Amino acid sequence: MAKRKIIWSNRANDKLIKILEFYNKRNQSRSYSNKLFKLITKNVKHLQSQPYLGLKSSLKPFRGLIINDFIIIHTLWDCRQNPDSLIIR
């Protein structure tokens, strides 16, 4: 079986960068951000061979992958944020 290609949307990349920058600034270190980045990319790679991994969402083509305090659907979402501000287009 051929591996599927993981494509990050511009929005997801922007969210990831903002989250990593937040922890860099808050912790005055890149150590946690580096660990978080590795954890997220490692888990997202599992989607290549297991595309139905994760939770079904109310939006049919999307599934959620929970990684620590984050949910990945088509964007990166920090679960500690206000859920009312999540707008999926």
C-alpha atoms as a PDB file:
ATOM      1  CA  MET A   1       0.000   0.000   0.000  1.00  0.00           C
ATOM      2  CA  ALA A   2       1.407   3.381  -0.994  1.00  0.00           C
ATOM      3  CA  LYS A   3       1.796   5.921   1.748  1.00  0.00           C
ATOM      4  CA  ARG A   4      -0.495   8.908   1.614  1.00  0.00           C
ATOM      5  CA  LYS A   5       1.027  12.352   1.521  1.00  0.00           C
ATOM      6  CA  ILE A   6       0.412  14.634   4.494  1.00  0.00           C
ATOM      7  CA  ILE A   7      -0.279  18.190   3.353  1.00  0.00           C
ATOM      8  CA  TRP A   8      -0.363  20.930   5.971  1.00  0.00           C
ATOM      9  CA  SER A   9      -2.629  23.853   5.131  1.00  0.00           C
ATOM     10  CA  ASN A  10      -1.180  27.348   5.431  1.00  0.00           C
ATOM     11  CA  ARG A  11      -3.549  27.926   8.330  1.00  0.00           C
ATOM     12  CA  ALA A  12      -2.342  24.800  10.147  1.00  0.00           C
ATOM     13  CA  ASN A  13       1.301  25.802   9.609  1.00  0.00           C
ATOM     14  CA  ASP A  14       0.585  29.294  10.936  1.00  0.00           C
ATOM     15  CA  LYS A  15      -1.172  27.887  14.015  1.00  0.00           C
ATOM     16  CA  LEU A  16       1.694  25.500  14.687  1.00  0.00           C
ATOM     17  CA  ILE A  17       4.256  28.297  14.447  1.00  0.00           C
ATOM     18  CA  LYS A  18       2.215  30.538  16.773  1.00  0.00           C
ATOM     19  CA  ILE A  19       1.837  27.770  19.358  1.00  0.00           C
ATOM     20  CA  LEU A  20       5.551  26.963  19.272  1.00  0.00           C
ATOM     21  CA  GLU A  21       6.465  30.659  19.506  1.00  0.00           C
ATOM     22  CA  PHE A  22       4.109  31.057  22.474  1.00  0.00           C
ATOM     23  CA  TYR A  23       5.902  28.298  24.390  1.00  0.00           C
ATOM     24  CA  ASN A  24       9.327  29.630  23.367  1.00  0.00           C
ATOM     25  CA  LYS A  25       8.440  33.001  24.833  1.00  0.00           C
ATOM     26  CA  ARG A  26       6.621  31.691  27.903  1.00  0.00           C
ATOM     27  CA  ASN A  27       9.305  29.165  28.836  1.00  0.00           C
ATOM     28  CA  GLN A  28      12.260  31.286  27.691  1.00  0.00           C
ATOM     29  CA  SER A  29      13.494  28.129  25.997  1.00  0.00           C
ATOM     30  CA  ARG A  30      12.927  26.138  22.839  1.00  0.00           C
ATOM     31  CA  SER A  31      13.201  22.813  24.646  1.00  0.00           C
ATOM     32  CA  TYR A  32       9.467  22.235  25.193  1.00  0.00           C
ATOM     33  CA  SER A  33       8.572  23.597  21.750  1.00  0.00           C
ATOM     34  CA  ASN A  34      11.016  21.179  20.125  1.00  0.00           C
ATOM     35  CA  LYS A  35       9.521  18.243  22.056  1.00  0.00           C
ATOM     36  CA  LEU A  36       6.004  19.354  21.161  1.00  0.00           C
ATOM     37  CA  PHE A  37       6.898  19.724  17.461  1.00  0.00           C
ATOM     38  CA  LYS A  38       8.407  16.223  17.388  1.00  0.00           C
ATOM     39  CA  LEU A  39       5.371  14.765  19.157  1.00  0.00           C
ATOM     40  CA  ILE A  40       2.913  16.401  16.761  1.00  0.00           C
ATOM     41  CA  THR A  41       4.822  15.466  13.589  1.00  0.00           C
ATOM     42  CA  LYS A  42       5.337  11.894  14.811  1.00  0.00           C
ATOM     43  CA  ASN A  43       1.619  11.422  15.457  1.00  0.00           C
ATOM     44  CA  VAL A  44       0.551  13.108  12.227  1.00  0.00           C
ATOM     45  CA  LYS A  45       2.808  10.685  10.298  1.00  0.00           C
ATOM     46  CA  HIS A  46       0.661   7.825  11.618  1.00  0.00           C
ATOM     47  CA  LEU A  47      -2.121   9.210   9.410  1.00  0.00           C
ATOM     48  CA  GLN A  48      -0.162   8.154   6.322  1.00  0.00           C
ATOM     49  CA  SER A  49      -0.772   4.488   7.026  1.00  0.00           C
ATOM     50  CA  GLN A  50      -3.899   4.834   9.187  1.00  0.00           C
ATOM     51  CA  PRO A  51      -6.066   7.595   7.625  1.00  0.00           C
ATOM     52  CA  TYR A  52      -9.097   6.712   9.777  1.00  0.00           C
ATOM     53  CA  LEU A  53      -7.156   7.192  12.986  1.00  0.00           C
ATOM     54  CA  GLY A  54      -8.766   9.684  15.317  1.00  0.00           C
ATOM     55  CA  LEU A  55     -12.269  10.865  16.035  1.00  0.00           C
ATOM     56  CA  LYS A  56     -15.032  11.513  13.527  1.00  0.00           C
ATOM     57  CA  SER A  57     -16.098  15.136  13.451  1.00  0.00           C
ATOM     58  CA  SER A  58     -19.505  16.559  12.646  1.00  0.00           C
ATOM     59  CA  LEU A  59     -17.988  17.717   9.335  1.00  0.00           C
ATOM     60  CA  LYS A  60     -18.000  14.508   7.300  1.00  0.00           C
ATOM     61  CA  PRO A  61     -14.594  14.610   5.587  1.00  0.00           C
ATOM     62  CA  PHE A  62     -12.706  15.638   8.735  1.00  0.00           C
ATOM     63  CA  ARG A  63     -11.392  13.586  11.616  1.00  0.00           C
ATOM     64  CA  GLY A  64      -9.769  14.805  14.805  1.00  0.00           C
ATOM     65  CA  LEU A  65      -6.485  13.524  16.127  1.00  0.00           C
ATOM     66  CA  ILE A  66      -5.880  14.303  19.793  1.00  0.00           C
ATOM     67  CA  ILE A  67      -2.243  14.799  20.773  1.00  0.00           C
ATOM     68  CA  ASN A  68      -1.845  15.844  24.413  1.00  0.00           C
ATOM     69  CA  ASP A  69      -3.804  19.122  24.665  1.00  0.00           C
ATOM     70  CA  PHE A  70      -4.186  19.561  20.901  1.00  0.00           C
ATOM     71  CA  ILE A  71      -6.728  18.423  18.329  1.00  0.00           C
ATOM     72  CA  ILE A  72      -5.779  18.291  14.672  1.00  0.00           C
ATOM     73  CA  ILE A  73      -8.513  18.304  12.049  1.00  0.00           C
ATOM     74  CA  HIS A  74      -7.581  20.553   9.158  1.00  0.00           C
ATOM     75  CA  THR A  75      -5.970  23.045  11.425  1.00  0.00           C
ATOM     76  CA  LEU A  76      -4.035  22.891  14.647  1.00  0.00           C
ATOM     77  CA  TRP A  77      -6.098  23.735  17.707  1.00  0.00           C
ATOM     78  CA  ASP A  78      -4.916  24.257  21.274  1.00  0.00           C
ATOM     79  CA  CYS A  79      -7.720  22.822  23.448  1.00  0.00           C
ATOM     80  CA  ARG A  80      -7.105  25.461  26.107  1.00  0.00           C
ATOM     81  CA  GLN A  81      -8.388  28.198  23.772  1.00  0.00           C
ATOM     82  CA  ASN A  82     -11.973  29.455  23.689  1.00  0.00           C
ATOM     83  CA  PRO A  83     -13.884  26.911  21.547  1.00  0.00           C
ATOM     84  CA  ASP A  84     -16.231  29.653  20.311  1.00  0.00           C
ATOM     85  CA  SER A  85     -13.328  31.187  18.415  1.00  0.00           C
ATOM     86  CA  LEU A  86     -12.770  28.033  16.309  1.00  0.00           C
ATOM     87  CA  ILE A  87     -14.244  28.726  12.895  1.00  0.00           C
ATOM     88  CA  ILE A  88     -13.979  25.994  10.282  1.00  0.00           C
ATOM     89  CA  ARG A  89     -14.484  27.119   6.688  1.00  0.00           C
END
